[in-house]
Amino acid sequence: MDMKYFNYEHLPEKLQKVSKPIGDLARQMDKDLPEGAEKSAGMRKLLEAKDCMVRAALSQ
């Protein structure tokens, strides 16, 4: 997965607070886990969760 989707620096501060912990976790998992189907699936689900959380923060 392209890790650019987990970048958060471009977001407003309010959204960075939501996105940063997930982005940091994604980077750590990308570094620590071997490539494979399960890692790819996990990263896709983590990206989906991040998107949902950012949208939730937008609705506040």
PDB file of N, CA and C in Angstrom:
ATOM      1  N   MET A   1       0.857  -1.180   0.000  1.00  0.00           N
ATOM      2  CA  MET A   1       0.000   0.000   0.000  1.00  0.00           C
ATOM      3  C   MET A   1       0.893   1.229   0.000  1.00  0.00           C
ATOM      4  N   ASP A   2       0.449   2.237  -0.718  1.00  0.00           N
ATOM      5  CA  ASP A   2       1.159   3.506  -0.748  1.00  0.00           C
ATOM      6  C   ASP A   2       0.900   4.236   0.567  1.00  0.00           C
ATOM      7  N   MET A   3       1.953   4.461   1.316  1.00  0.00           N
ATOM      8  CA  MET A   3       1.815   5.050   2.644  1.00  0.00           C
ATOM      9  C   MET A   3       1.397   6.521   2.608  1.00  0.00           C
ATOM     10  N   LYS A   4       1.391   7.129   1.430  1.00  0.00           N
ATOM     11  CA  LYS A   4       0.985   8.539   1.343  1.00  0.00           C
ATOM     12  C   LYS A   4      -0.450   8.735   1.829  1.00  0.00           C
ATOM     13  N   TYR A   5      -1.251   7.687   1.767  1.00  0.00           N
ATOM     14  CA  TYR A   5      -2.646   7.803   2.201  1.00  0.00           C
ATOM     15  C   TYR A   5      -2.774   7.982   3.712  1.00  0.00           C
ATOM     16  N   PHE A   6      -1.695   7.720   4.430  1.00  0.00           N
ATOM     17  CA  PHE A   6      -1.700   7.891   5.879  1.00  0.00           C
ATOM     18  C   PHE A   6      -1.060   9.207   6.324  1.00  0.00           C
ATOM     19  N   ASN A   7      -0.652  10.040   5.364  1.00  0.00           N
ATOM     20  CA  ASN A   7      -0.096  11.350   5.714  1.00  0.00           C
ATOM     21  C   ASN A   7      -1.178  12.199   6.374  1.00  0.00           C
ATOM     22  N   TYR A   8      -0.761  13.021   7.298  1.00  0.00           N
ATOM     23  CA  TYR A   8      -1.715  13.856   8.029  1.00  0.00           C
ATOM     24  C   TYR A   8      -1.248  15.303   8.146  1.00  0.00           C
ATOM     25  N   GLU A   9      -0.017  15.579   7.766  1.00  0.00           N
ATOM     26  CA  GLU A   9       0.566  16.904   7.968  1.00  0.00           C
ATOM     27  C   GLU A   9      -0.199  18.007   7.232  1.00  0.00           C
ATOM     28  N   HIS A  10      -0.855  17.671   6.151  1.00  0.00           N
ATOM     29  CA  HIS A  10      -1.577  18.653   5.332  1.00  0.00           C
ATOM     30  C   HIS A  10      -2.952  19.006   5.907  1.00  0.00           C
ATOM     31  N   LEU A  11      -3.396  18.237   6.884  1.00  0.00           N
ATOM     32  CA  LEU A  11      -4.739  18.441   7.432  1.00  0.00           C
ATOM     33  C   LEU A  11      -4.759  19.562   8.465  1.00  0.00           C
ATOM     34  N   PRO A  12      -5.936  20.169   8.662  1.00  0.00           N
ATOM     35  CA  PRO A  12      -6.060  21.129   9.760  1.00  0.00           C
ATOM     36  C   PRO A  12      -5.783  20.432  11.098  1.00  0.00           C
ATOM     37  N   GLU A  13      -5.375  21.199  12.083  1.00  0.00           N
ATOM     38  CA  GLU A  13      -4.969  20.636  13.380  1.00  0.00           C
ATOM     39  C   GLU A  13      -6.036  19.728  13.985  1.00  0.00           C
ATOM     40  N   LYS A  14      -7.283  20.124  13.885  1.00  0.00           N
ATOM     41  CA  LYS A  14      -8.396  19.322  14.437  1.00  0.00           C
ATOM     42  C   LYS A  14      -8.400  17.913  13.848  1.00  0.00           C
ATOM     43  N   LEU A  15      -8.169  17.818  12.540  1.00  0.00           N
ATOM     44  CA  LEU A  15      -8.189  16.517  11.877  1.00  0.00           C
ATOM     45  C   LEU A  15      -6.873  15.765  12.063  1.00  0.00           C
ATOM     46  N   GLN A  16      -5.785  16.496  12.241  1.00  0.00           N
ATOM     47  CA  GLN A  16      -4.504  15.840  12.517  1.00  0.00           C
ATOM     48  C   GLN A  16      -4.567  15.045  13.814  1.00  0.00           C
ATOM     49  N   LYS A  17      -5.284  15.566  14.795  1.00  0.00           N
ATOM     50  CA  LYS A  17      -5.403  14.869  16.081  1.00  0.00           C
ATOM     51  C   LYS A  17      -6.046  13.503  15.921  1.00  0.00           C
ATOM     52  N   VAL A  18      -6.909  13.369  14.945  1.00  0.00           N
ATOM     53  CA  VAL A  18      -7.581  12.099  14.671  1.00  0.00           C
ATOM     54  C   VAL A  18      -6.710  11.214  13.779  1.00  0.00           C
ATOM     55  N   SER A  19      -6.140  11.810  12.761  1.00  0.00           N
ATOM     56  CA  SER A  19      -5.419  11.059  11.737  1.00  0.00           C
ATOM     57  C   SER A  19      -4.018  10.625  12.162  1.00  0.00           C
ATOM     58  N   LYS A  20      -3.328  11.438  12.945  1.00  0.00           N
ATOM     59  CA  LYS A  20      -1.934  11.160  13.294  1.00  0.00           C
ATOM     60  C   LYS A  20      -1.734   9.820  14.000  1.00  0.00           C
ATOM     61  N   PRO A  21      -2.500   9.508  15.040  1.00  0.00           N
ATOM     62  CA  PRO A  21      -2.259   8.213  15.707  1.00  0.00           C
ATOM     63  C   PRO A  21      -2.437   7.017  14.771  1.00  0.00           C
ATOM     64  N   ILE A  22      -3.382   7.110  13.863  1.00  0.00           N
ATOM     65  CA  ILE A  22      -3.599   6.013  12.917  1.00  0.00           C
ATOM     66  C   ILE A  22      -2.476   5.969  11.894  1.00  0.00           C
ATOM     67  N   GLY A  23      -2.057   7.135  11.431  1.00  0.00           N
ATOM     68  CA  GLY A  23      -0.929   7.189  10.500  1.00  0.00           C
ATOM     69  C   GLY A  23       0.345   6.652  11.123  1.00  0.00           C
ATOM     70  N   ASP A  24       0.578   7.008  12.379  1.00  0.00           N
ATOM     71  CA  ASP A  24       1.768   6.508  13.083  1.00  0.00           C
ATOM     72  C   ASP A  24       1.716   4.992  13.232  1.00  0.00           C
ATOM     73  N   LEU A  25       0.555   4.465  13.576  1.00  0.00           N
ATOM     74  CA  LEU A  25       0.392   3.012  13.691  1.00  0.00           C
ATOM     75  C   LEU A  25       0.635   2.339  12.341  1.00  0.00           C
ATOM     76  N   ALA A  26       0.096   2.912  11.289  1.00  0.00           N
ATOM     77  CA  ALA A  26       0.270   2.337   9.948  1.00  0.00           C
ATOM     78  C   ALA A  26       1.749   2.278   9.576  1.00  0.00           C
ATOM     79  N   ARG A  27       2.477   3.336   9.848  1.00  0.00           N
ATOM     80  CA  ARG A  27       3.908   3.358   9.533  1.00  0.00           C
ATOM     81  C   ARG A  27       4.662   2.297  10.332  1.00  0.00           C
ATOM     82  N   GLN A  28       4.288   2.146  11.601  1.00  0.00           N
ATOM     83  CA  GLN A  28       4.950   1.140  12.437  1.00  0.00           C
ATOM     84  C   GLN A  28       4.655  -0.272  11.924  1.00  0.00           C
ATOM     85  N   MET A  29       3.413  -0.538  11.594  1.00  0.00           N
ATOM     86  CA  MET A  29       3.045  -1.862  11.091  1.00  0.00           C
ATOM     87  C   MET A  29       3.717  -2.144   9.751  1.00  0.00           C
ATOM     88  N   ASP A  30       3.808  -1.123   8.898  1.00  0.00           N
ATOM     89  CA  ASP A  30       4.458  -1.294   7.600  1.00  0.00           C
ATOM     90  C   ASP A  30       5.920  -1.666   7.790  1.00  0.00           C
ATOM     91  N   LYS A  31       6.541  -1.064   8.789  1.00  0.00           N
ATOM     92  CA  LYS A  31       7.954  -1.338   9.079  1.00  0.00           C
ATOM     93  C   LYS A  31       8.140  -2.718   9.705  1.00  0.00           C
ATOM     94  N   ASP A  32       7.249  -3.105  10.617  1.00  0.00           N
ATOM     95  CA  ASP A  32       7.444  -4.306  11.434  1.00  0.00           C
ATOM     96  C   ASP A  32       6.962  -5.606  10.802  1.00  0.00           C
ATOM     97  N   LEU A  33       5.978  -5.536   9.933  1.00  0.00           N
ATOM     98  CA  LEU A  33       5.368  -6.759   9.413  1.00  0.00           C
ATOM     99  C   LEU A  33       5.886  -7.117   8.025  1.00  0.00           C
ATOM    100  N   PRO A  34       5.972  -8.404   7.744  1.00  0.00           N
ATOM    101  CA  PRO A  34       6.405  -8.819   6.405  1.00  0.00           C
ATOM    102  C   PRO A  34       5.301  -8.560   5.379  1.00  0.00           C
ATOM    103  N   GLU A  35       5.717  -8.345   4.153  1.00  0.00           N
ATOM    104  CA  GLU A  35       4.745  -8.166   3.073  1.00  0.00           C
ATOM    105  C   GLU A  35       3.923  -9.440   2.910  1.00  0.00           C
ATOM    106  N   GLY A  36       2.674  -9.264   2.541  1.00  0.00           N
ATOM    107  CA  GLY A  36       1.810 -10.412   2.311  1.00  0.00           C
ATOM    108  C   GLY A  36       0.360  -9.994   2.267  1.00  0.00           C
ATOM    109  N   ALA A  37      -0.481 -10.948   1.964  1.00  0.00           N
ATOM    110  CA  ALA A  37      -1.911 -10.682   1.788  1.00  0.00           C
ATOM    111  C   ALA A  37      -2.557 -10.164   3.069  1.00  0.00           C
ATOM    112  N   GLU A  38      -2.183 -10.717   4.212  1.00  0.00           N
ATOM    113  CA  GLU A  38      -2.802 -10.297   5.474  1.00  0.00           C
ATOM    114  C   GLU A  38      -2.390  -8.879   5.849  1.00  0.00           C
ATOM    115  N   LYS A  39      -1.133  -8.554   5.623  1.00  0.00           N
ATOM    116  CA  LYS A  39      -0.691  -7.185   5.889  1.00  0.00           C
ATOM    117  C   LYS A  39      -1.432  -6.217   4.976  1.00  0.00           C
ATOM    118  N   SER A  40      -1.551  -6.557   3.709  1.00  0.00           N
ATOM    119  CA  SER A  40      -2.268  -5.690   2.760  1.00  0.00           C
ATOM    120  C   SER A  40      -3.710  -5.484   3.190  1.00  0.00           C
ATOM    121  N   ALA A  41      -4.365  -6.555   3.596  1.00  0.00           N
ATOM    122  CA  ALA A  41      -5.756  -6.453   4.050  1.00  0.00           C
ATOM    123  C   ALA A  41      -5.848  -5.590   5.304  1.00  0.00           C
ATOM    124  N   GLY A  42      -4.949  -5.790   6.240  1.00  0.00           N
ATOM    125  CA  GLY A  42      -4.943  -5.006   7.463  1.00  0.00           C
ATOM    126  C   GLY A  42      -4.716  -3.530   7.195  1.00  0.00           C
ATOM    127  N   MET A  43      -3.804  -3.222   6.288  1.00  0.00           N
ATOM    128  CA  MET A  43      -3.533  -1.829   5.957  1.00  0.00           C
ATOM    129  C   MET A  43      -4.739  -1.180   5.275  1.00  0.00           C
ATOM    130  N   ARG A  44      -5.411  -1.913   4.406  1.00  0.00           N
ATOM    131  CA  ARG A  44      -6.626  -1.377   3.763  1.00  0.00           C
ATOM    132  C   ARG A  44      -7.696  -1.089   4.809  1.00  0.00           C
ATOM    133  N   LYS A  45      -7.861  -1.986   5.758  1.00  0.00           N
ATOM    134  CA  LYS A  45      -8.874  -1.783   6.804  1.00  0.00           C
ATOM    135  C   LYS A  45      -8.488  -0.618   7.717  1.00  0.00           C
ATOM    136  N   LEU A  46      -7.202  -0.470   7.998  1.00  0.00           N
ATOM    137  CA  LEU A  46      -6.741   0.648   8.806  1.00  0.00           C
ATOM    138  C   LEU A  46      -6.987   1.975   8.084  1.00  0.00           C
ATOM    139  N   LEU A  47      -6.756   1.992   6.780  1.00  0.00           N
ATOM    140  CA  LEU A  47      -7.036   3.191   5.988  1.00  0.00           C
ATOM    141  C   LEU A  47      -8.526   3.506   5.988  1.00  0.00           C
ATOM    142  N   GLU A  48      -9.335   2.487   5.854  1.00  0.00           N
ATOM    143  CA  GLU A  48     -10.788   2.677   5.894  1.00  0.00           C
ATOM    144  C   GLU A  48     -11.221   3.237   7.254  1.00  0.00           C
ATOM    145  N   ALA A  49     -10.645   2.716   8.327  1.00  0.00           N
ATOM    146  CA  ALA A  49     -10.971   3.210   9.669  1.00  0.00           C
ATOM    147  C   ALA A  49     -10.540   4.666   9.823  1.00  0.00           C
ATOM    148  N   LYS A  50      -9.348   4.996   9.333  1.00  0.00           N
ATOM    149  CA  LYS A  50      -8.869   6.374   9.421  1.00  0.00           C
ATOM    150  C   LYS A  50      -9.812   7.309   8.684  1.00  0.00           C
ATOM    151  N   ASP A  51     -10.227   6.931   7.491  1.00  0.00           N
ATOM    152  CA  ASP A  51     -11.149   7.766   6.716  1.00  0.00           C
ATOM    153  C   ASP A  51     -12.461   7.980   7.466  1.00  0.00           C
ATOM    154  N   CYS A  52     -12.975   6.942   8.074  1.00  0.00           N
ATOM    155  CA  CYS A  52     -14.221   7.058   8.838  1.00  0.00           C
ATOM    156  C   CYS A  52     -14.049   7.992  10.031  1.00  0.00           C
ATOM    157  N   MET A  53     -12.942   7.874  10.738  1.00  0.00           N
ATOM    158  CA  MET A  53     -12.707   8.706  11.913  1.00  0.00           C
ATOM    159  C   MET A  53     -12.528  10.175  11.531  1.00  0.00           C
ATOM    160  N   VAL A  54     -11.849  10.423  10.436  1.00  0.00           N
ATOM    161  CA  VAL A  54     -11.688  11.808   9.976  1.00  0.00           C
ATOM    162  C   VAL A  54     -13.040  12.382   9.573  1.00  0.00           C
ATOM    163  N   ARG A  55     -13.849  11.590   8.890  1.00  0.00           N
ATOM    164  CA  ARG A  55     -15.204  12.073   8.526  1.00  0.00           C
ATOM    165  C   ARG A  55     -16.038  12.332   9.778  1.00  0.00           C
ATOM    166  N   ALA A  56     -15.891  11.503  10.779  1.00  0.00           N
ATOM    167  CA  ALA A  56     -16.627  11.731  12.039  1.00  0.00           C
ATOM    168  C   ALA A  56     -16.200  13.048  12.674  1.00  0.00           C
ATOM    169  N   ALA A  57     -14.903  13.335  12.642  1.00  0.00           N
ATOM    170  CA  ALA A  57     -14.395  14.588  13.204  1.00  0.00           C
ATOM    171  C   ALA A  57     -14.898  15.792  12.408  1.00  0.00           C
ATOM    172  N   LEU A  58     -15.078  15.612  11.120  1.00  0.00           N
ATOM    173  CA  LEU A  58     -15.603  16.698  10.277  1.00  0.00           C
ATOM    174  C   LEU A  58     -17.043  17.056  10.642  1.00  0.00           C
ATOM    175  N   SER A  59     -17.777  16.103  11.124  1.00  0.00           N
ATOM    176  CA  SER A  59     -19.200  16.336  11.417  1.00  0.00           C
ATOM    177  C   SER A  59     -19.436  16.991  12.780  1.00  0.00           C
ATOM    178  N   GLN A  60     -18.371  17.229  13.528  1.00  0.00           N
ATOM    179  CA  GLN A  60     -18.508  17.871  14.848  1.00  0.00           C
ATOM    180  C   GLN A  60     -18.697  19.357  14.693  1.00  0.00           C
TER     181      GLN A  60
END
